[in-house]
Amino acid sequence: EFSMLDTVDGLAPRPIQWGNHRFPWILMEYVTGEHPSDFDENFADRMA
């Protein structure tokens, strides 16, 4: 997941650091926004 986040710069939270000591973890950027609730043409447009 850290590798994928690092690859898709600007389309996902920016990864900061990861570790795998006993239990795996990632620190990443906190991204704000609204979850979609209307699955209409505007929604399809943005996802396209």
ModelCIF file with pLDDT and N, C-alpha, C, O atoms, coordinates in Angstrom:
data_MODEL
#
_entry.id   MODEL 
#
_entity.id                         1 
_entity.type                       polymer 
_entity.pdbx_number_of_molecules   1 
#
_entity_poly.entity_id                      1 
_entity_poly.type                           'polypeptide(L)' 
_entity_poly.nstd_linkage                   no 
_entity_poly.nstd_monomer                   no 
_entity_poly.pdbx_seq_one_letter_code       EFSMLDTVDGLAPRPIQWGNHRFPWILMEYVTGEHPSDFDENFADRMA 
_entity_poly.pdbx_seq_one_letter_code_can   EFSMLDTVDGLAPRPIQWGNHRFPWILMEYVTGEHPSDFDENFADRMA 
_entity_poly.pdbx_strand_id                 A 
#
loop_
_entity_poly_seq.entity_id 
_entity_poly_seq.num 
_entity_poly_seq.mon_id 
_entity_poly_seq.hetero 
1 1  GLU n 
1 2  PHE n 
1 3  SER n 
1 4  MET n 
1 5  LEU n 
1 6  ASP n 
1 7  THR n 
1 8  VAL n 
1 9  ASP n 
1 10 GLY n 
1 11 LEU n 
1 12 ALA n 
1 13 PRO n 
1 14 ARG n 
1 15 PRO n 
1 16 ILE n 
1 17 GLN n 
1 18 TRP n 
1 19 GLY n 
1 20 ASN n 
1 21 HIS n 
1 22 ARG n 
1 23 PHE n 
1 24 PRO n 
1 25 TRP n 
1 26 ILE n 
1 27 LEU n 
1 28 MET n 
1 29 GLU n 
1 30 TYR n 
1 31 VAL n 
1 32 THR n 
1 33 GLY n 
1 34 GLU n 
1 35 HIS n 
1 36 PRO n 
1 37 SER n 
1 38 ASP n 
1 39 PHE n 
1 40 ASP n 
1 41 GLU n 
1 42 ASN n 
1 43 PHE n 
1 44 ALA n 
1 45 ASP n 
1 46 ARG n 
1 47 MET n 
1 48 ALA n 
#
_struct_asym.id          A 
_struct_asym.entity_id   1 
#
loop_
_ma_qa_metric.id 
_ma_qa_metric.mode 
_ma_qa_metric.name 
_ma_qa_metric.software_group_id 
_ma_qa_metric.type 
1 global pLDDT . pLDDT 
2 local  pLDDT . pLDDT 
#
_ma_qa_metric_global.metric_id      1 
_ma_qa_metric_global.metric_value   91.90 
_ma_qa_metric_global.model_id       1 
_ma_qa_metric_global.ordinal_id     1 
#
loop_
_ma_qa_metric_local.label_asym_id 
_ma_qa_metric_local.label_comp_id 
_ma_qa_metric_local.label_seq_id 
_ma_qa_metric_local.metric_id 
_ma_qa_metric_local.metric_value 
_ma_qa_metric_local.model_id 
_ma_qa_metric_local.ordinal_id 
A GLU 1  2 95.00 1 1  
A PHE 2  2 95.00 1 2  
A SER 3  2 94.00 1 3  
A MET 4  2 95.00 1 4  
A LEU 5  2 96.00 1 5  
A ASP 6  2 95.00 1 6  
A THR 7  2 95.00 1 7  
A VAL 8  2 95.00 1 8  
A ASP 9  2 92.00 1 9  
A GLY 10 2 94.00 1 10 
A LEU 11 2 97.00 1 11 
A ALA 12 2 97.00 1 12 
A PRO 13 2 97.00 1 13 
A ARG 14 2 97.00 1 14 
A PRO 15 2 97.00 1 15 
A ILE 16 2 97.00 1 16 
A GLN 17 2 96.00 1 17 
A TRP 18 2 96.00 1 18 
A GLY 19 2 93.00 1 19 
A ASN 20 2 83.00 1 20 
A HIS 21 2 65.00 1 21 
A ARG 22 2 74.00 1 22 
A PHE 23 2 81.00 1 23 
A PRO 24 2 93.00 1 24 
A TRP 25 2 95.00 1 25 
A ILE 26 2 96.00 1 26 
A LEU 27 2 97.00 1 27 
A MET 28 2 98.00 1 28 
A GLU 29 2 97.00 1 29 
A TYR 30 2 97.00 1 30 
A VAL 31 2 96.00 1 31 
A THR 32 2 95.00 1 32 
A GLY 33 2 96.00 1 33 
A GLU 34 2 96.00 1 34 
A HIS 35 2 96.00 1 35 
A PRO 36 2 95.00 1 36 
A SER 37 2 93.00 1 37 
A ASP 38 2 91.00 1 38 
A PHE 39 2 87.00 1 39 
A ASP 40 2 83.00 1 40 
A GLU 41 2 79.00 1 41 
A ASN 42 2 86.00 1 42 
A PHE 43 2 89.00 1 43 
A ALA 44 2 85.00 1 44 
A ASP 45 2 85.00 1 45 
A ARG 46 2 91.00 1 46 
A MET 47 2 91.00 1 47 
A ALA 48 2 88.00 1 48 
#
loop_
_atom_site.group_PDB 
_atom_site.id 
_atom_site.type_symbol 
_atom_site.label_atom_id 
_atom_site.label_alt_id 
_atom_site.label_comp_id 
_atom_site.label_asym_id 
_atom_site.label_entity_id 
_atom_site.label_seq_id 
_atom_site.pdbx_PDB_ins_code 
_atom_site.Cartn_x 
_atom_site.Cartn_y 
_atom_site.Cartn_z 
_atom_site.occupancy 
_atom_site.B_iso_or_equiv 
_atom_site.pdbx_formal_charge 
_atom_site.auth_seq_id 
_atom_site.auth_comp_id 
_atom_site.auth_asym_id 
_atom_site.auth_atom_id 
_atom_site.pdbx_PDB_model_num 
ATOM 1   N N  . GLU A 1 1  ? 0.825   -1.204 0.000   1.00 95.00 ? 1  GLU A N  1 
ATOM 2   C CA . GLU A 1 1  ? 0.000   0.000  0.000   1.00 95.00 ? 1  GLU A CA 1 
ATOM 3   C C  . GLU A 1 1  ? 0.860   1.255  0.000   1.00 95.00 ? 1  GLU A C  1 
ATOM 4   O O  . GLU A 1 1  ? 0.542   2.226  -0.687  1.00 95.00 ? 1  GLU A O  1 
ATOM 5   N N  . PHE A 1 2  ? 1.944   1.242  0.764   1.00 95.00 ? 2  PHE A N  1 
ATOM 6   C CA . PHE A 1 2  ? 2.824   2.410  0.781   1.00 95.00 ? 2  PHE A CA 1 
ATOM 7   C C  . PHE A 1 2  ? 3.370   2.678  -0.618  1.00 95.00 ? 2  PHE A C  1 
ATOM 8   O O  . PHE A 1 2  ? 3.448   3.828  -1.050  1.00 95.00 ? 2  PHE A O  1 
ATOM 9   N N  . SER A 1 3  ? 3.748   1.615  -1.321  1.00 94.00 ? 3  SER A N  1 
ATOM 10  C CA . SER A 1 3  ? 4.268   1.750  -2.678  1.00 94.00 ? 3  SER A CA 1 
ATOM 11  C C  . SER A 1 3  ? 3.223   2.326  -3.620  1.00 94.00 ? 3  SER A C  1 
ATOM 12  O O  . SER A 1 3  ? 3.542   3.175  -4.452  1.00 94.00 ? 3  SER A O  1 
ATOM 13  N N  . MET A 1 4  ? 1.966   1.872  -3.500  1.00 95.00 ? 4  MET A N  1 
ATOM 14  C CA . MET A 1 4  ? 0.898   2.388  -4.348  1.00 95.00 ? 4  MET A CA 1 
ATOM 15  C C  . MET A 1 4  ? 0.637   3.862  -4.051  1.00 95.00 ? 4  MET A C  1 
ATOM 16  O O  . MET A 1 4  ? 0.490   4.660  -4.977  1.00 95.00 ? 4  MET A O  1 
ATOM 17  N N  . LEU A 1 5  ? 0.579   4.236  -2.773  1.00 96.00 ? 5  LEU A N  1 
ATOM 18  C CA . LEU A 1 5  ? 0.364   5.638  -2.407  1.00 96.00 ? 5  LEU A CA 1 
ATOM 19  C C  . LEU A 1 5  ? 1.477   6.517  -2.954  1.00 96.00 ? 5  LEU A C  1 
ATOM 20  O O  . LEU A 1 5  ? 1.232   7.638  -3.399  1.00 96.00 ? 5  LEU A O  1 
ATOM 21  N N  . ASP A 1 6  ? 2.681   6.011  -2.919  1.00 95.00 ? 6  ASP A N  1 
ATOM 22  C CA . ASP A 1 6  ? 3.828   6.777  -3.397  1.00 95.00 ? 6  ASP A CA 1 
ATOM 23  C C  . ASP A 1 6  ? 3.803   6.930  -4.911  1.00 95.00 ? 6  ASP A C  1 
ATOM 24  O O  . ASP A 1 6  ? 4.375   7.878  -5.451  1.00 95.00 ? 6  ASP A O  1 
ATOM 25  N N  . THR A 1 7  ? 3.142   5.999  -5.599  1.00 95.00 ? 7  THR A N  1 
ATOM 26  C CA . THR A 1 7  ? 3.091   6.007  -7.059  1.00 95.00 ? 7  THR A CA 1 
ATOM 27  C C  . THR A 1 7  ? 2.034   6.976  -7.590  1.00 95.00 ? 7  THR A C  1 
ATOM 28  O O  . THR A 1 7  ? 2.224   7.580  -8.645  1.00 95.00 ? 7  THR A O  1 
ATOM 29  N N  . VAL A 1 8  ? 0.927   7.127  -6.869  1.00 95.00 ? 8  VAL A N  1 
ATOM 30  C CA . VAL A 1 8  ? -0.219  7.900  -7.377  1.00 95.00 ? 8  VAL A CA 1 
ATOM 31  C C  . VAL A 1 8  ? -0.241  9.300  -6.767  1.00 95.00 ? 8  VAL A C  1 
ATOM 32  O O  . VAL A 1 8  ? -1.265  9.729  -6.235  1.00 95.00 ? 8  VAL A O  1 
ATOM 33  N N  . ASP A 1 9  ? 0.842   9.988  -6.839  1.00 92.00 ? 9  ASP A N  1 
ATOM 34  C CA . ASP A 1 9  ? 0.994   11.309 -6.231  1.00 92.00 ? 9  ASP A CA 1 
ATOM 35  C C  . ASP A 1 9  ? -0.131  12.258 -6.656  1.00 92.00 ? 9  ASP A C  1 
ATOM 36  O O  . ASP A 1 9  ? -0.394  12.421 -7.847  1.00 92.00 ? 9  ASP A O  1 
ATOM 37  N N  . GLY A 1 10 ? -0.786  12.878 -5.680  1.00 94.00 ? 10 GLY A N  1 
ATOM 38  C CA . GLY A 1 10 ? -1.849  13.833 -5.959  1.00 94.00 ? 10 GLY A CA 1 
ATOM 39  C C  . GLY A 1 10 ? -3.234  13.237 -6.073  1.00 94.00 ? 10 GLY A C  1 
ATOM 40  O O  . GLY A 1 10 ? -4.224  13.969 -6.076  1.00 94.00 ? 10 GLY A O  1 
ATOM 41  N N  . LEU A 1 11 ? -3.323  11.916 -6.168  1.00 97.00 ? 11 LEU A N  1 
ATOM 42  C CA . LEU A 1 11 ? -4.618  11.244 -6.304  1.00 97.00 ? 11 LEU A CA 1 
ATOM 43  C C  . LEU A 1 11 ? -4.996  10.475 -5.049  1.00 97.00 ? 11 LEU A C  1 
ATOM 44  O O  . LEU A 1 11 ? -6.067  9.872  -4.975  1.00 97.00 ? 11 LEU A O  1 
ATOM 45  N N  . ALA A 1 12 ? -4.111  10.500 -4.069  1.00 97.00 ? 12 ALA A N  1 
ATOM 46  C CA . ALA A 1 12 ? -4.293  9.752  -2.830  1.00 97.00 ? 12 ALA A CA 1 
ATOM 47  C C  . ALA A 1 12 ? -3.557  10.489 -1.718  1.00 97.00 ? 12 ALA A C  1 
ATOM 48  O O  . ALA A 1 12 ? -2.771  11.394 -2.001  1.00 97.00 ? 12 ALA A O  1 
ATOM 49  N N  . PRO A 1 13 ? -3.793  10.126 -0.469  1.00 97.00 ? 13 PRO A N  1 
ATOM 50  C CA . PRO A 1 13 ? -3.031  10.747 0.611   1.00 97.00 ? 13 PRO A CA 1 
ATOM 51  C C  . PRO A 1 13 ? -1.526  10.522 0.442   1.00 97.00 ? 13 PRO A C  1 
ATOM 52  O O  . PRO A 1 13 ? -1.092  9.445  0.035   1.00 97.00 ? 13 PRO A O  1 
ATOM 53  N N  . ARG A 1 14 ? -0.757  11.528 0.751   1.00 97.00 ? 14 ARG A N  1 
ATOM 54  C CA . ARG A 1 14 ? 0.702   11.421 0.654   1.00 97.00 ? 14 ARG A CA 1 
ATOM 55  C C  . ARG A 1 14 ? 1.223   10.523 1.772   1.00 97.00 ? 14 ARG A C  1 
ATOM 56  O O  . ARG A 1 14 ? 0.969   10.797 2.946   1.00 97.00 ? 14 ARG A O  1 
ATOM 57  N N  . PRO A 1 15 ? 1.952   9.447  1.428   1.00 97.00 ? 15 PRO A N  1 
ATOM 58  C CA . PRO A 1 15 ? 2.493   8.571  2.472   1.00 97.00 ? 15 PRO A CA 1 
ATOM 59  C C  . PRO A 1 15 ? 3.675   9.230  3.170   1.00 97.00 ? 15 PRO A C  1 
ATOM 60  O O  . PRO A 1 15 ? 4.469   9.916  2.526   1.00 97.00 ? 15 PRO A O  1 
ATOM 61  N N  . ILE A 1 16 ? 3.801   9.034  4.469   1.00 97.00 ? 16 ILE A N  1 
ATOM 62  C CA . ILE A 1 16 ? 4.868   9.653  5.250   1.00 97.00 ? 16 ILE A CA 1 
ATOM 63  C C  . ILE A 1 16 ? 5.918   8.621  5.667   1.00 97.00 ? 16 ILE A C  1 
ATOM 64  O O  . ILE A 1 16 ? 7.113   8.809  5.439   1.00 97.00 ? 16 ILE A O  1 
ATOM 65  N N  . GLN A 1 17 ? 5.458   7.539  6.276   1.00 96.00 ? 17 GLN A N  1 
ATOM 66  C CA . GLN A 1 17 ? 6.385   6.511  6.747   1.00 96.00 ? 17 GLN A CA 1 
ATOM 67  C C  . GLN A 1 17 ? 5.610   5.233  7.012   1.00 96.00 ? 17 GLN A C  1 
ATOM 68  O O  . GLN A 1 17 ? 4.406   5.262  7.265   1.00 96.00 ? 17 GLN A O  1 
ATOM 69  N N  . TRP A 1 18 ? 6.320   4.105  6.949   1.00 96.00 ? 18 TRP A N  1 
ATOM 70  C CA . TRP A 1 18 ? 5.672   2.844  7.267   1.00 96.00 ? 18 TRP A CA 1 
ATOM 71  C C  . TRP A 1 18 ? 6.597   1.983  8.098   1.00 96.00 ? 18 TRP A C  1 
ATOM 72  O O  . TRP A 1 18 ? 7.812   2.178  8.107   1.00 96.00 ? 18 TRP A O  1 
ATOM 73  N N  . GLY A 1 19 ? 6.006   1.024  8.800   1.00 93.00 ? 19 GLY A N  1 
ATOM 74  C CA . GLY A 1 19 ? 6.800   0.105  9.608   1.00 93.00 ? 19 GLY A CA 1 
ATOM 75  C C  . GLY A 1 19 ? 6.096   -1.232 9.723   1.00 93.00 ? 19 GLY A C  1 
ATOM 76  O O  . GLY A 1 19 ? 4.900   -1.338 9.453   1.00 93.00 ? 19 GLY A O  1 
ATOM 77  N N  . ASN A 1 20 ? 6.828   -2.239 10.118  1.00 83.00 ? 20 ASN A N  1 
ATOM 78  C CA . ASN A 1 20 ? 6.252   -3.583 10.176  1.00 83.00 ? 20 ASN A CA 1 
ATOM 79  C C  . ASN A 1 20 ? 6.804   -4.349 11.368  1.00 83.00 ? 20 ASN A C  1 
ATOM 80  O O  . ASN A 1 20 ? 7.151   -5.525 11.252  1.00 83.00 ? 20 ASN A O  1 
ATOM 81  N N  . HIS A 1 21 ? 6.883   -3.686 12.506  1.00 65.00 ? 21 HIS A N  1 
ATOM 82  C CA . HIS A 1 21 ? 7.364   -4.329 13.719  1.00 65.00 ? 21 HIS A CA 1 
ATOM 83  C C  . HIS A 1 21 ? 6.173   -4.913 14.472  1.00 65.00 ? 21 HIS A C  1 
ATOM 84  O O  . HIS A 1 21 ? 5.420   -4.176 15.109  1.00 65.00 ? 21 HIS A O  1 
ATOM 85  N N  . ARG A 1 22 ? 6.002   -6.214 14.404  1.00 74.00 ? 22 ARG A N  1 
ATOM 86  C CA . ARG A 1 22 ? 4.871   -6.952 14.980  1.00 74.00 ? 22 ARG A CA 1 
ATOM 87  C C  . ARG A 1 22 ? 3.560   -6.692 14.249  1.00 74.00 ? 22 ARG A C  1 
ATOM 88  O O  . ARG A 1 22 ? 2.912   -7.631 13.786  1.00 74.00 ? 22 ARG A O  1 
ATOM 89  N N  . PHE A 1 23 ? 3.162   -5.424 14.141  1.00 81.00 ? 23 PHE A N  1 
ATOM 90  C CA . PHE A 1 23 ? 1.951   -5.078 13.400  1.00 81.00 ? 23 PHE A CA 1 
ATOM 91  C C  . PHE A 1 23 ? 2.273   -3.982 12.386  1.00 81.00 ? 23 PHE A C  1 
ATOM 92  O O  . PHE A 1 23 ? 2.894   -2.979 12.738  1.00 81.00 ? 23 PHE A O  1 
ATOM 93  N N  . PRO A 1 24 ? 1.855   -4.163 11.122  1.00 93.00 ? 24 PRO A N  1 
ATOM 94  C CA . PRO A 1 24 ? 2.171   -3.165 10.076  1.00 93.00 ? 24 PRO A CA 1 
ATOM 95  C C  . PRO A 1 24 ? 1.385   -1.879 10.262  1.00 93.00 ? 24 PRO A C  1 
ATOM 96  O O  . PRO A 1 24 ? 0.244   -1.890 10.723  1.00 93.00 ? 24 PRO A O  1 
ATOM 97  N N  . TRP A 1 25 ? 2.021   -0.763 9.894   1.00 95.00 ? 25 TRP A N  1 
ATOM 98  C CA . TRP A 1 25 ? 1.362   0.536  10.005  1.00 95.00 ? 25 TRP A CA 1 
ATOM 99  C C  . TRP A 1 25 ? 1.896   1.493  8.950   1.00 95.00 ? 25 TRP A C  1 
ATOM 100 O O  . TRP A 1 25 ? 3.011   1.337  8.452   1.00 95.00 ? 25 TRP A O  1 
ATOM 101 N N  . ILE A 1 26 ? 1.074   2.491  8.619   1.00 96.00 ? 26 ILE A N  1 
ATOM 102 C CA . ILE A 1 26 ? 1.464   3.578  7.718   1.00 96.00 ? 26 ILE A CA 1 
ATOM 103 C C  . ILE A 1 26 ? 1.013   4.896  8.336   1.00 96.00 ? 26 ILE A C  1 
ATOM 104 O O  . ILE A 1 26 ? -0.102  5.004  8.848   1.00 96.00 ? 26 ILE A O  1 
ATOM 105 N N  . LEU A 1 27 ? 1.879   5.882  8.284   1.00 97.00 ? 27 LEU A N  1 
ATOM 106 C CA . LEU A 1 27 ? 1.487   7.257  8.555   1.00 97.00 ? 27 LEU A CA 1 
ATOM 107 C C  . LEU A 1 27 ? 1.311   7.948  7.215   1.00 97.00 ? 27 LEU A C  1 
ATOM 108 O O  . LEU A 1 27 ? 2.139   7.799  6.316   1.00 97.00 ? 27 LEU A O  1 
ATOM 109 N N  . MET A 1 28 ? 0.218   8.711  7.082   1.00 98.00 ? 28 MET A N  1 
ATOM 110 C CA . MET A 1 28 ? -0.048  9.378  5.813   1.00 98.00 ? 28 MET A CA 1 
ATOM 111 C C  . MET A 1 28 ? -0.731  10.718 6.051   1.00 98.00 ? 28 MET A C  1 
ATOM 112 O O  . MET A 1 28 ? -1.195  11.021 7.150   1.00 98.00 ? 28 MET A O  1 
ATOM 113 N N  . GLU A 1 29 ? -0.776  11.490 5.008   1.00 97.00 ? 29 GLU A N  1 
ATOM 114 C CA . GLU A 1 29 ? -1.451  12.786 5.021   1.00 97.00 ? 29 GLU A CA 1 
ATOM 115 C C  . GLU A 1 29 ? -2.936  12.624 5.341   1.00 97.00 ? 29 GLU A C  1 
ATOM 116 O O  . GLU A 1 29 ? -3.557  11.641 4.938   1.00 97.00 ? 29 GLU A O  1 
ATOM 117 N N  . TYR A 1 30 ? -3.496  13.580 6.059   1.00 97.00 ? 30 TYR A N  1 
ATOM 118 C CA . TYR A 1 30 ? -4.938  13.629 6.302   1.00 97.00 ? 30 TYR A CA 1 
ATOM 119 C C  . TYR A 1 30 ? -5.581  14.479 5.211   1.00 97.00 ? 30 TYR A C  1 
ATOM 120 O O  . TYR A 1 30 ? -5.275  15.665 5.084   1.00 97.00 ? 30 TYR A O  1 
ATOM 121 N N  . VAL A 1 31 ? -6.465  13.881 4.429   1.00 96.00 ? 31 VAL A N  1 
ATOM 122 C CA . VAL A 1 31 ? -7.115  14.555 3.316   1.00 96.00 ? 31 VAL A CA 1 
ATOM 123 C C  . VAL A 1 31 ? -8.573  14.829 3.684   1.00 96.00 ? 31 VAL A C  1 
ATOM 124 O O  . VAL A 1 31 ? -9.277  13.941 4.166   1.00 96.00 ? 31 VAL A O  1 
ATOM 125 N N  . THR A 1 32 ? -9.015  16.056 3.452   1.00 95.00 ? 32 THR A N  1 
ATOM 126 C CA . THR A 1 32 ? -10.404 16.413 3.744   1.00 95.00 ? 32 THR A CA 1 
ATOM 127 C C  . THR A 1 32 ? -11.228 16.451 2.461   1.00 95.00 ? 32 THR A C  1 
ATOM 128 O O  . THR A 1 32 ? -10.688 16.613 1.367   1.00 95.00 ? 32 THR A O  1 
ATOM 129 N N  . GLY A 1 33 ? -12.514 16.302 2.608   1.00 96.00 ? 33 GLY A N  1 
ATOM 130 C CA . GLY A 1 33 ? -13.417 16.337 1.463   1.00 96.00 ? 33 GLY A CA 1 
ATOM 131 C C  . GLY A 1 33 ? -14.756 15.737 1.847   1.00 96.00 ? 33 GLY A C  1 
ATOM 132 O O  . GLY A 1 33 ? -14.953 15.319 2.987   1.00 96.00 ? 33 GLY A O  1 
ATOM 133 N N  . GLU A 1 34 ? -15.675 15.696 0.893   1.00 96.00 ? 34 GLU A N  1 
ATOM 134 C CA . GLU A 1 34 ? -17.005 15.157 1.120   1.00 96.00 ? 34 GLU A CA 1 
ATOM 135 C C  . GLU A 1 34 ? -17.146 13.813 0.410   1.00 96.00 ? 34 GLU A C  1 
ATOM 136 O O  . GLU A 1 34 ? -16.748 13.665 -0.746  1.00 96.00 ? 34 GLU A O  1 
ATOM 137 N N  . HIS A 1 35 ? -17.714 12.845 1.110   1.00 96.00 ? 35 HIS A N  1 
ATOM 138 C CA . HIS A 1 35 ? -18.045 11.582 0.464   1.00 96.00 ? 35 HIS A CA 1 
ATOM 139 C C  . HIS A 1 35 ? -19.262 11.786 -0.442  1.00 96.00 ? 35 HIS A C  1 
ATOM 140 O O  . HIS A 1 35 ? -20.189 12.500 -0.061  1.00 96.00 ? 35 HIS A O  1 
ATOM 141 N N  . PRO A 1 36 ? -19.279 11.184 -1.617  1.00 95.00 ? 36 PRO A N  1 
ATOM 142 C CA . PRO A 1 36 ? -20.423 11.372 -2.522  1.00 95.00 ? 36 PRO A CA 1 
ATOM 143 C C  . PRO A 1 36 ? -21.695 10.757 -1.948  1.00 95.00 ? 36 PRO A C  1 
ATOM 144 O O  . PRO A 1 36 ? -21.662 9.707  -1.305  1.00 95.00 ? 36 PRO A O  1 
ATOM 145 N N  . SER A 1 37 ? -22.809 11.430 -2.192  1.00 93.00 ? 37 SER A N  1 
ATOM 146 C CA . SER A 1 37 ? -24.108 10.906 -1.761  1.00 93.00 ? 37 SER A CA 1 
ATOM 147 C C  . SER A 1 37 ? -25.096 10.837 -2.924  1.00 93.00 ? 37 SER A C  1 
ATOM 148 O O  . SER A 1 37 ? -26.068 10.085 -2.874  1.00 93.00 ? 37 SER A O  1 
ATOM 149 N N  . ASP A 1 38 ? -24.844 11.619 -3.963  1.00 91.00 ? 38 ASP A N  1 
ATOM 150 C CA . ASP A 1 38 ? -25.685 11.590 -5.163  1.00 91.00 ? 38 ASP A CA 1 
ATOM 151 C C  . ASP A 1 38 ? -24.895 10.959 -6.302  1.00 91.00 ? 38 ASP A C  1 
ATOM 152 O O  . ASP A 1 38 ? -23.896 11.514 -6.760  1.00 91.00 ? 38 ASP A O  1 
ATOM 153 N N  . PHE A 1 39 ? -25.350 9.798  -6.751  1.00 87.00 ? 39 PHE A N  1 
ATOM 154 C CA . PHE A 1 39 ? -24.608 9.069  -7.776  1.00 87.00 ? 39 PHE A CA 1 
ATOM 155 C C  . PHE A 1 39 ? -25.199 9.391  -9.143  1.00 87.00 ? 39 PHE A C  1 
ATOM 156 O O  . PHE A 1 39 ? -25.829 8.558  -9.795  1.00 87.00 ? 39 PHE A O  1 
ATOM 157 N N  . ASP A 1 40 ? -24.966 10.639 -9.546  1.00 83.00 ? 40 ASP A N  1 
ATOM 158 C CA . ASP A 1 40 ? -25.564 11.177 -10.753 1.00 83.00 ? 40 ASP A CA 1 
ATOM 159 C C  . ASP A 1 40 ? -24.492 11.430 -11.808 1.00 83.00 ? 40 ASP A C  1 
ATOM 160 O O  . ASP A 1 40 ? -23.377 10.916 -11.720 1.00 83.00 ? 40 ASP A O  1 
ATOM 161 N N  . GLU A 1 41 ? -24.855 12.232 -12.805 1.00 79.00 ? 41 GLU A N  1 
ATOM 162 C CA . GLU A 1 41 ? -23.919 12.496 -13.898 1.00 79.00 ? 41 GLU A CA 1 
ATOM 163 C C  . GLU A 1 41 ? -22.680 13.241 -13.411 1.00 79.00 ? 41 GLU A C  1 
ATOM 164 O O  . GLU A 1 41 ? -21.573 12.965 -13.874 1.00 79.00 ? 41 GLU A O  1 
ATOM 165 N N  . ASN A 1 42 ? -22.847 14.166 -12.498 1.00 86.00 ? 42 ASN A N  1 
ATOM 166 C CA . ASN A 1 42 ? -21.693 14.894 -11.977 1.00 86.00 ? 42 ASN A CA 1 
ATOM 167 C C  . ASN A 1 42 ? -20.742 13.949 -11.263 1.00 86.00 ? 42 ASN A C  1 
ATOM 168 O O  . ASN A 1 42 ? -19.524 14.060 -11.409 1.00 86.00 ? 42 ASN A O  1 
ATOM 169 N N  . PHE A 1 43 ? -21.293 13.021 -10.492 1.00 89.00 ? 43 PHE A N  1 
ATOM 170 C CA . PHE A 1 43 ? -20.475 12.008 -9.820  1.00 89.00 ? 43 PHE A CA 1 
ATOM 171 C C  . PHE A 1 43 ? -19.716 11.165 -10.842 1.00 89.00 ? 43 PHE A C  1 
ATOM 172 O O  . PHE A 1 43 ? -18.509 10.961 -10.713 1.00 89.00 ? 43 PHE A O  1 
ATOM 173 N N  . ALA A 1 44 ? -20.424 10.680 -11.852 1.00 85.00 ? 44 ALA A N  1 
ATOM 174 C CA . ALA A 1 44 ? -19.782 9.864  -12.889 1.00 85.00 ? 44 ALA A CA 1 
ATOM 175 C C  . ALA A 1 44 ? -18.710 10.654 -13.618 1.00 85.00 ? 44 ALA A C  1 
ATOM 176 O O  . ALA A 1 44 ? -17.649 10.122 -13.943 1.00 85.00 ? 44 ALA A O  1 
ATOM 177 N N  . ASP A 1 45 ? -18.993 11.938 -13.877 1.00 85.00 ? 45 ASP A N  1 
ATOM 178 C CA . ASP A 1 45 ? -18.035 12.807 -14.552 1.00 85.00 ? 45 ASP A CA 1 
ATOM 179 C C  . ASP A 1 45 ? -16.727 12.921 -13.772 1.00 85.00 ? 45 ASP A C  1 
ATOM 180 O O  . ASP A 1 45 ? -15.641 12.776 -14.332 1.00 85.00 ? 45 ASP A O  1 
ATOM 181 N N  . ARG A 1 46 ? -16.849 13.182 -12.480 1.00 91.00 ? 46 ARG A N  1 
ATOM 182 C CA . ARG A 1 46 ? -15.662 13.365 -11.655 1.00 91.00 ? 46 ARG A CA 1 
ATOM 183 C C  . ARG A 1 46 ? -14.855 12.073 -11.546 1.00 91.00 ? 46 ARG A C  1 
ATOM 184 O O  . ARG A 1 46 ? -13.625 12.094 -11.555 1.00 91.00 ? 46 ARG A O  1 
ATOM 185 N N  . MET A 1 47 ? -15.557 10.961 -11.444 1.00 91.00 ? 47 MET A N  1 
ATOM 186 C CA . MET A 1 47 ? -14.850 9.688  -11.353 1.00 91.00 ? 47 MET A CA 1 
ATOM 187 C C  . MET A 1 47 ? -14.218 9.303  -12.688 1.00 91.00 ? 47 MET A C  1 
ATOM 188 O O  . MET A 1 47 ? -13.152 8.687  -12.714 1.00 91.00 ? 47 MET A O  1 
ATOM 189 N N  . ALA A 1 48 ? -14.860 9.657  -13.782 1.00 88.00 ? 48 ALA A N  1 
ATOM 190 C CA . ALA A 1 48 ? -14.263 9.409  -15.096 1.00 88.00 ? 48 ALA A CA 1 
ATOM 191 C C  . ALA A 1 48 ? -12.949 10.174 -15.225 1.00 88.00 ? 48 ALA A C  1 
ATOM 192 O O  . ALA A 1 48 ? -12.289 10.097 -16.261 1.00 88.00 ? 48 ALA A O  1 
#
